[in-house]
Amino acid sequence: MRDEEEIREQYEFLKEQLDSDEMNHEGVREMFTYYKRALGWTLEEEHI
């Protein structure tokens, strides 16, 4: 199981990748949006 810091680093990396100009294909953007949302829910549930 990965620790929270590692998950947060991966989340930030994915966010930067999504915001870069190379990642402007709508299907890829949508996929990352769902992935980011799922990661957010996971992190949120651990802190409730």
C-alpha atoms as a PDB file:
ATOM      1  CA  MET A   1       0.000   0.000   0.000  1.00  0.00           C
ATOM      2  CA  ARG A   2       1.354   3.407  -0.933  1.00  0.00           C
ATOM      3  CA  ASP A   3       1.550   6.126   1.655  1.00  0.00           C
ATOM      4  CA  GLU A   4      -0.368   9.390   1.397  1.00  0.00           C
ATOM      5  CA  GLU A   5       2.676  11.459   0.389  1.00  0.00           C
ATOM      6  CA  GLU A   6       3.382   9.209  -2.600  1.00  0.00           C
ATOM      7  CA  ILE A   7      -0.260   9.364  -3.704  1.00  0.00           C
ATOM      8  CA  ARG A   8      -0.286  13.163  -3.382  1.00  0.00           C
ATOM      9  CA  GLU A   9       2.928  13.435  -5.431  1.00  0.00           C
ATOM     10  CA  GLN A  10       1.386  11.311  -8.171  1.00  0.00           C
ATOM     11  CA  TYR A  11      -1.784  13.417  -8.062  1.00  0.00           C
ATOM     12  CA  GLU A  12       0.212  16.655  -8.432  1.00  0.00           C
ATOM     13  CA  PHE A  13       2.240  15.142 -11.285  1.00  0.00           C
ATOM     14  CA  LEU A  14      -0.929  14.112 -13.109  1.00  0.00           C
ATOM     15  CA  LYS A  15      -2.417  17.565 -12.557  1.00  0.00           C
ATOM     16  CA  GLU A  16       0.660  19.205 -14.116  1.00  0.00           C
ATOM     17  CA  GLN A  17       0.559  16.776 -17.042  1.00  0.00           C
ATOM     18  CA  LEU A  18      -3.114  17.496 -17.618  1.00  0.00           C
ATOM     19  CA  ASP A  19      -2.494  21.243 -17.604  1.00  0.00           C
ATOM     20  CA  SER A  20       0.360  21.037 -20.121  1.00  0.00           C
ATOM     21  CA  ASP A  21      -0.273  22.003 -23.740  1.00  0.00           C
ATOM     22  CA  GLU A  22       0.471  18.483 -24.975  1.00  0.00           C
ATOM     23  CA  MET A  23      -2.485  17.030 -23.090  1.00  0.00           C
ATOM     24  CA  ASN A  24      -5.241  18.849 -24.936  1.00  0.00           C
ATOM     25  CA  HIS A  25      -7.015  15.845 -26.467  1.00  0.00           C
ATOM     26  CA  GLU A  26     -10.508  15.837 -24.970  1.00  0.00           C
ATOM     27  CA  GLY A  27     -10.692  12.069 -24.376  1.00  0.00           C
ATOM     28  CA  VAL A  28      -7.408  12.075 -22.459  1.00  0.00           C
ATOM     29  CA  ARG A  29      -8.490  15.143 -20.484  1.00  0.00           C
ATOM     30  CA  GLU A  30     -11.758  13.430 -19.545  1.00  0.00           C
ATOM     31  CA  MET A  31      -9.950  10.250 -18.461  1.00  0.00           C
ATOM     32  CA  PHE A  32      -7.594  12.210 -16.196  1.00  0.00           C
ATOM     33  CA  THR A  33     -10.508  14.196 -14.771  1.00  0.00           C
ATOM     34  CA  TYR A  34     -12.214  10.967 -13.671  1.00  0.00           C
ATOM     35  CA  TYR A  35      -8.918   9.639 -12.304  1.00  0.00           C
ATOM     36  CA  LYS A  36      -8.276  12.831 -10.329  1.00  0.00           C
ATOM     37  CA  ARG A  37     -11.825  12.737  -8.944  1.00  0.00           C
ATOM     38  CA  ALA A  38     -11.420   9.116  -7.822  1.00  0.00           C
ATOM     39  CA  LEU A  39      -8.087   9.939  -6.165  1.00  0.00           C
ATOM     40  CA  GLY A  40      -9.682  12.891  -4.405  1.00  0.00           C
ATOM     41  CA  TRP A  41     -12.487  10.722  -3.055  1.00  0.00           C
ATOM     42  CA  THR A  42      -9.960   8.164  -1.800  1.00  0.00           C
ATOM     43  CA  LEU A  43      -7.913  10.795   0.021  1.00  0.00           C
ATOM     44  CA  GLU A  44     -11.066  12.410   1.421  1.00  0.00           C
ATOM     45  CA  GLU A  45     -12.463   9.142   2.796  1.00  0.00           C
ATOM     46  CA  GLU A  46      -9.223   8.406   4.635  1.00  0.00           C
ATOM     47  CA  HIS A  47      -9.518  11.694   6.547  1.00  0.00           C
ATOM     48  CA  ILE A  48     -13.188  11.429   7.542  1.00  0.00           C
END
